[in-house]
Structure formats: C-alpha cells, structure tokens
Amino acid sequence: MLVDAVGQVAVRARRDADDRPEGIAPNGDVWTCCVRAQSMGNVRDHDYDFGSVWRSGKADQLRRSIKAGECYCPLANAAYTNMLTHAPTVTKVATRVARSRIRRAVAGRAA
C-alpha cells in the first residue's frame, strides 16, 4: 500500500512541478515536459522574454491539461526511490494512508 500511496504523491508532485518549465530546447521552445514535448511558446518569438512565454495562453492551456491528468508521466517511477529515502515524505505518505484507512473504516461502520 505504501508504494501505491507514494505513486499518488509522485503524481501530485509531478503536477505541482508543472508550475515550472521542464526545459528550453535549443531552438527556444519552452517545454512543460520532455516526454510530452509540447511547446508552450518560443522565447525567440517573444523577444527572449521568458515571462511572456510563461504567461501565454498556450502555457495556461498546457498547465490545465497536465493538472486535469490528460497525460501520464512514465518518469514518475524515478522519483519513488528518492521519496522512499526521504523521511519527511515517507512520514507524509504514511499519515495520508492511515487517515484514508480510518476514513474508510468509519464510513463502513456508518453504512
């Protein structure tokens, strides 16, 4: 169960991380993710003003898509090892799992 919970946290962490760009390609495209590889704009087209790209409608659209779960990150598994060796994260996950199980148990008794 801990691995599942860590996976859920990894997805949340990845979605939260999408408030920052994954990278800038050599041609100036700003990507939200190296896997998705969809440009939110090009710094060359915006007179090298990163903020202008960041605040563009295309950037907002891509962030909404990611937040809505319209893409799935195969790289999230790479975060598991780091998360499992980070005591604050393991504690947070264990607390969420325990609270979830308690809520389910209480809801089951009420039904």
N, C-alpha and C. Protein backbone atom coordinates (compact mmCIF):
# COMPACT_ATOMS: atom_id res chain seq x y z
N MET A 1 0.82 -1.20 0.00
CA MET A 1 0.00 0.00 0.00
C MET A 1 0.86 1.27 0.00
N LEU A 2 2.01 1.19 0.65
CA LEU A 2 2.88 2.36 0.69
C LEU A 2 3.34 2.75 -0.70
N VAL A 3 3.65 1.77 -1.53
CA VAL A 3 4.09 2.08 -2.89
C VAL A 3 2.99 2.78 -3.66
N ASP A 4 1.73 2.30 -3.51
CA ASP A 4 0.62 2.97 -4.17
C ASP A 4 0.50 4.41 -3.69
N ALA A 5 0.61 4.58 -2.39
CA ALA A 5 0.50 5.93 -1.84
C ALA A 5 1.64 6.81 -2.33
N VAL A 6 2.82 6.26 -2.42
CA VAL A 6 3.95 7.02 -2.93
C VAL A 6 3.69 7.39 -4.37
N GLY A 7 3.11 6.47 -5.14
CA GLY A 7 2.78 6.76 -6.52
C GLY A 7 1.81 7.92 -6.62
N GLN A 8 0.84 7.95 -5.75
CA GLN A 8 -0.12 9.05 -5.77
C GLN A 8 0.58 10.36 -5.44
N VAL A 9 1.48 10.32 -4.48
CA VAL A 9 2.21 11.54 -4.13
C VAL A 9 3.11 11.94 -5.29
N ALA A 10 3.72 10.96 -5.96
CA ALA A 10 4.59 11.28 -7.10
C ALA A 10 3.81 11.98 -8.20
N VAL A 11 2.59 11.52 -8.45
CA VAL A 11 1.77 12.17 -9.47
C VAL A 11 1.45 13.58 -9.04
N ARG A 12 1.09 13.75 -7.77
CA ARG A 12 0.80 15.10 -7.29
C ARG A 12 2.05 15.97 -7.38
N ALA A 13 3.20 15.42 -7.00
CA ALA A 13 4.44 16.19 -7.06
C ALA A 13 4.73 16.59 -8.49
N ARG A 14 4.52 15.69 -9.42
CA ARG A 14 4.78 15.98 -10.83
C ARG A 14 3.83 17.07 -11.31
N ARG A 15 2.56 16.97 -10.92
CA ARG A 15 1.61 18.01 -11.34
C ARG A 15 1.98 19.35 -10.73
N ASP A 16 2.40 19.34 -9.46
CA ASP A 16 2.82 20.59 -8.82
C ASP A 16 4.05 21.14 -9.51
N ALA A 17 4.93 20.24 -9.93
CA ALA A 17 6.16 20.66 -10.59
C ALA A 17 5.87 21.31 -11.93
N ASP A 18 4.71 21.08 -12.47
CA ASP A 18 4.41 21.66 -13.78
C ASP A 18 4.14 23.15 -13.71
N ASP A 19 4.30 23.72 -12.53
CA ASP A 19 4.28 25.16 -12.43
C ASP A 19 5.65 25.74 -12.79
N ARG A 20 6.55 24.88 -13.20
CA ARG A 20 7.85 25.32 -13.67
C ARG A 20 8.13 24.60 -14.99
N PRO A 21 8.91 25.18 -15.86
CA PRO A 21 9.15 24.52 -17.13
C PRO A 21 10.11 23.34 -16.97
N GLU A 22 9.94 22.34 -17.80
CA GLU A 22 10.84 21.19 -17.82
C GLU A 22 12.13 21.56 -18.51
N GLY A 23 12.06 22.38 -19.54
CA GLY A 23 13.29 22.74 -20.23
C GLY A 23 13.05 23.69 -21.38
N ILE A 24 14.15 24.22 -21.85
CA ILE A 24 14.12 25.07 -23.03
C ILE A 24 14.96 24.37 -24.09
N ALA A 25 14.33 24.09 -25.21
CA ALA A 25 15.01 23.39 -26.30
C ALA A 25 16.01 24.34 -26.98
N PRO A 26 16.97 23.78 -27.69
CA PRO A 26 17.96 24.62 -28.38
C PRO A 26 17.34 25.64 -29.34
N ASN A 27 16.16 25.32 -29.89
CA ASN A 27 15.53 26.26 -30.82
C ASN A 27 14.73 27.35 -30.10
N GLY A 28 14.68 27.30 -28.76
CA GLY A 28 13.98 28.32 -27.98
C GLY A 28 12.62 27.91 -27.47
N ASP A 29 12.12 26.72 -27.87
CA ASP A 29 10.83 26.25 -27.38
C ASP A 29 10.92 25.95 -25.89
N VAL A 30 9.91 26.38 -25.15
CA VAL A 30 9.82 26.10 -23.71
C VAL A 30 8.85 24.94 -23.54
N TRP A 31 9.34 23.85 -22.97
CA TRP A 31 8.54 22.63 -22.82
C TRP A 31 8.05 22.49 -21.39
N THR A 32 6.86 21.93 -21.26
CA THR A 32 6.36 21.59 -19.93
C THR A 32 6.94 20.27 -19.47
N CYS A 33 7.33 19.42 -20.44
CA CYS A 33 7.77 18.08 -20.11
C CYS A 33 8.58 17.52 -21.28
N CYS A 34 9.63 16.79 -20.96
CA CYS A 34 10.45 16.22 -22.03
C CYS A 34 9.76 15.05 -22.72
N VAL A 35 8.83 14.40 -22.05
CA VAL A 35 8.09 13.29 -22.65
C VAL A 35 6.99 13.82 -23.55
N ARG A 36 6.22 14.74 -23.03
CA ARG A 36 5.12 15.31 -23.80
C ARG A 36 5.65 16.17 -24.95
N ALA A 37 6.71 16.87 -24.71
CA ALA A 37 7.40 17.67 -25.73
C ALA A 37 6.47 18.59 -26.51
N GLN A 38 5.57 19.24 -25.81
CA GLN A 38 4.71 20.25 -26.44
C GLN A 38 5.19 21.61 -25.98
N SER A 39 5.46 22.46 -26.93
CA SER A 39 5.97 23.78 -26.61
C SER A 39 4.85 24.68 -26.09
N MET A 40 5.17 25.43 -25.05
CA MET A 40 4.22 26.43 -24.56
C MET A 40 4.51 27.78 -25.21
N GLY A 41 5.55 27.81 -26.01
CA GLY A 41 5.93 29.02 -26.72
C GLY A 41 7.43 29.01 -26.96
N ASN A 42 7.88 29.99 -27.68
CA ASN A 42 9.28 30.06 -28.02
C ASN A 42 9.83 31.41 -27.58
N VAL A 43 10.91 31.38 -26.83
CA VAL A 43 11.47 32.63 -26.32
C VAL A 43 11.94 33.55 -27.45
N ARG A 44 12.33 32.97 -28.57
CA ARG A 44 12.76 33.80 -29.70
C ARG A 44 11.59 34.60 -30.27
N ASP A 45 10.41 33.99 -30.27
CA ASP A 45 9.21 34.67 -30.78
C ASP A 45 8.71 35.74 -29.82
N HIS A 46 9.21 35.71 -28.58
CA HIS A 46 8.78 36.66 -27.55
C HIS A 46 9.94 37.58 -27.15
N ASP A 47 10.83 37.85 -28.10
CA ASP A 47 11.97 38.74 -27.86
C ASP A 47 12.77 38.31 -26.63
N TYR A 48 12.91 36.99 -26.47
CA TYR A 48 13.66 36.38 -25.37
C TYR A 48 13.11 36.74 -23.99
N ASP A 49 11.82 37.05 -23.94
CA ASP A 49 11.14 37.36 -22.67
C ASP A 49 10.47 36.08 -22.16
N PHE A 50 11.15 35.38 -21.27
CA PHE A 50 10.63 34.12 -20.76
C PHE A 50 9.27 34.32 -20.08
N GLY A 51 9.12 35.40 -19.34
CA GLY A 51 7.86 35.67 -18.65
C GLY A 51 6.68 35.77 -19.60
N SER A 52 6.92 36.33 -20.76
CA SER A 52 5.87 36.44 -21.76
C SER A 52 5.42 35.05 -22.23
N VAL A 53 6.38 34.16 -22.43
CA VAL A 53 6.05 32.77 -22.81
C VAL A 53 5.30 32.11 -21.66
N TRP A 54 5.81 32.31 -20.46
CA TRP A 54 5.25 31.66 -19.27
C TRP A 54 3.80 32.06 -19.02
N ARG A 55 3.46 33.29 -19.34
CA ARG A 55 2.10 33.79 -19.10
C ARG A 55 1.20 33.68 -20.33
N SER A 56 1.65 32.99 -21.35
CA SER A 56 0.88 32.89 -22.60
C SER A 56 -0.34 31.99 -22.42
N GLY A 57 -1.28 32.15 -23.31
CA GLY A 57 -2.48 31.31 -23.31
C GLY A 57 -2.14 29.84 -23.53
N LYS A 58 -1.18 29.57 -24.40
CA LYS A 58 -0.76 28.19 -24.65
C LYS A 58 -0.18 27.56 -23.39
N ALA A 59 0.60 28.32 -22.63
CA ALA A 59 1.16 27.82 -21.38
C ALA A 59 0.04 27.50 -20.39
N ASP A 60 -0.92 28.39 -20.27
CA ASP A 60 -2.06 28.13 -19.37
C ASP A 60 -2.83 26.89 -19.80
N GLN A 61 -3.03 26.74 -21.10
CA GLN A 61 -3.75 25.57 -21.63
C GLN A 61 -3.00 24.28 -21.29
N LEU A 62 -1.70 24.25 -21.49
CA LEU A 62 -0.93 23.05 -21.20
C LEU A 62 -0.92 22.73 -19.70
N ARG A 63 -0.82 23.76 -18.86
CA ARG A 63 -0.85 23.51 -17.41
C ARG A 63 -2.21 22.95 -16.98
N ARG A 64 -3.29 23.47 -17.55
CA ARG A 64 -4.62 22.93 -17.24
C ARG A 64 -4.73 21.48 -17.67
N SER A 65 -4.20 21.16 -18.83
CA SER A 65 -4.23 19.79 -19.34
C SER A 65 -3.47 18.84 -18.42
N ILE A 66 -2.30 19.27 -17.97
CA ILE A 66 -1.50 18.44 -17.07
C ILE A 66 -2.22 18.26 -15.74
N LYS A 67 -2.75 19.34 -15.21
CA LYS A 67 -3.47 19.27 -13.92
C LYS A 67 -4.69 18.36 -14.02
N ALA A 68 -5.33 18.35 -15.19
CA ALA A 68 -6.51 17.51 -15.40
C ALA A 68 -6.14 16.04 -15.59
N GLY A 69 -4.85 15.74 -15.65
CA GLY A 69 -4.41 14.35 -15.81
C GLY A 69 -4.53 13.84 -17.23
N GLU A 70 -4.48 14.74 -18.20
CA GLU A 70 -4.61 14.33 -19.59
C GLU A 70 -3.33 13.73 -20.17
N CYS A 71 -2.31 13.67 -19.34
CA CYS A 71 -1.07 13.00 -19.73
C CYS A 71 -0.57 12.24 -18.51
N TYR A 72 0.22 11.24 -18.75
CA TYR A 72 0.71 10.41 -17.67
C TYR A 72 2.21 10.29 -17.78
N CYS A 73 2.89 10.51 -16.71
CA CYS A 73 4.34 10.59 -16.73
C CYS A 73 4.97 9.22 -16.46
N PRO A 74 5.65 8.65 -17.46
CA PRO A 74 6.35 7.39 -17.21
C PRO A 74 7.60 7.58 -16.39
N LEU A 75 8.00 8.83 -16.18
CA LEU A 75 9.20 9.10 -15.40
C LEU A 75 8.91 9.25 -13.91
N ALA A 76 7.64 9.19 -13.52
CA ALA A 76 7.30 9.34 -12.11
C ALA A 76 7.96 8.25 -11.27
N ASN A 77 8.16 7.06 -11.86
CA ASN A 77 8.78 5.96 -11.12
C ASN A 77 10.18 6.31 -10.65
N ALA A 78 10.87 7.18 -11.37
CA ALA A 78 12.22 7.57 -10.98
C ALA A 78 12.21 8.31 -9.65
N ALA A 79 11.08 8.92 -9.30
CA ALA A 79 11.00 9.67 -8.05
C ALA A 79 10.79 8.76 -6.84
N TYR A 80 10.32 7.53 -7.05
CA TYR A 80 10.00 6.66 -5.92
C TYR A 80 11.18 6.44 -4.99
N THR A 81 12.34 6.11 -5.54
CA THR A 81 13.50 5.83 -4.70
C THR A 81 13.86 7.04 -3.86
N ASN A 82 13.89 8.20 -4.49
CA ASN A 82 14.21 9.41 -3.73
C ASN A 82 13.19 9.66 -2.64
N MET A 83 11.92 9.43 -2.94
CA MET A 83 10.86 9.66 -1.96
C MET A 83 10.95 8.67 -0.82
N LEU A 84 11.27 7.42 -1.13
CA LEU A 84 11.34 6.39 -0.09
C LEU A 84 12.53 6.59 0.84
N THR A 85 13.54 7.31 0.40
CA THR A 85 14.69 7.57 1.26
C THR A 85 14.63 8.95 1.90
N HIS A 86 13.52 9.64 1.73
CA HIS A 86 13.34 10.98 2.31
C HIS A 86 12.32 10.86 3.44
N ALA A 87 12.82 10.87 4.67
CA ALA A 87 11.97 10.62 5.85
C ALA A 87 10.73 11.52 5.91
N PRO A 88 10.81 12.83 5.66
CA PRO A 88 9.59 13.65 5.71
C PRO A 88 8.53 13.20 4.70
N THR A 89 8.94 12.77 3.52
CA THR A 89 7.98 12.32 2.52
C THR A 89 7.34 11.00 2.94
N VAL A 90 8.14 10.07 3.44
CA VAL A 90 7.60 8.79 3.90
C VAL A 90 6.61 9.02 5.04
N THR A 91 6.94 9.92 5.94
CA THR A 91 6.03 10.24 7.05
C THR A 91 4.73 10.83 6.53
N LYS A 92 4.82 11.73 5.58
CA LYS A 92 3.63 12.36 4.99
C LYS A 92 2.75 11.31 4.31
N VAL A 93 3.37 10.42 3.55
CA VAL A 93 2.62 9.38 2.85
C VAL A 93 1.96 8.44 3.86
N ALA A 94 2.71 8.00 4.86
CA ALA A 94 2.16 7.09 5.86
C ALA A 94 0.97 7.73 6.59
N THR A 95 1.07 9.01 6.87
CA THR A 95 -0.04 9.73 7.53
C THR A 95 -1.26 9.77 6.63
N ARG A 96 -1.06 10.04 5.35
CA ARG A 96 -2.19 10.06 4.41
C ARG A 96 -2.85 8.69 4.29
N VAL A 97 -2.03 7.65 4.22
CA VAL A 97 -2.57 6.29 4.12
C VAL A 97 -3.38 5.96 5.37
N ALA A 98 -2.83 6.27 6.53
CA ALA A 98 -3.53 5.98 7.79
C ALA A 98 -4.86 6.74 7.86
N ARG A 99 -4.85 8.01 7.52
CA ARG A 99 -6.09 8.80 7.55
C ARG A 99 -7.11 8.24 6.58
N SER A 100 -6.66 7.86 5.40
CA SER A 100 -7.57 7.30 4.40
C SER A 100 -8.20 6.00 4.90
N ARG A 101 -7.40 5.15 5.50
CA ARG A 101 -7.93 3.88 6.03
C ARG A 101 -8.91 4.12 7.18
N ILE A 102 -8.61 5.08 8.01
CA ILE A 102 -9.52 5.40 9.13
C ILE A 102 -10.83 5.93 8.57
N ARG A 103 -10.77 6.83 7.60
CA ARG A 103 -12.00 7.36 7.00
C ARG A 103 -12.85 6.26 6.39
N ARG A 104 -12.21 5.34 5.68
CA ARG A 104 -12.95 4.23 5.08
C ARG A 104 -13.57 3.34 6.14
N ALA A 105 -12.84 3.09 7.19
CA ALA A 105 -13.37 2.24 8.27
C ALA A 105 -14.56 2.90 8.94
N VAL A 106 -14.45 4.20 9.19
CA VAL A 106 -15.57 4.93 9.82
C VAL A 106 -16.76 4.96 8.88
N ALA A 107 -16.54 5.20 7.61
CA ALA A 107 -17.63 5.25 6.63
C ALA A 107 -18.28 3.88 6.51
N GLY A 108 -17.49 2.82 6.60
CA GLY A 108 -18.04 1.47 6.52
C GLY A 108 -18.94 1.15 7.70
N ARG A 109 -18.58 1.64 8.87
CA ARG A 109 -19.43 1.43 10.06
C ARG A 109 -20.72 2.22 10.00
N ALA A 110 -20.65 3.39 9.37
CA ALA A 110 -21.83 4.25 9.30
C ALA A 110 -22.84 3.72 8.29
N ALA A 111 -22.37 2.91 7.33
CA ALA A 111 -23.25 2.42 6.28
C ALA A 111 -24.06 1.25 6.69
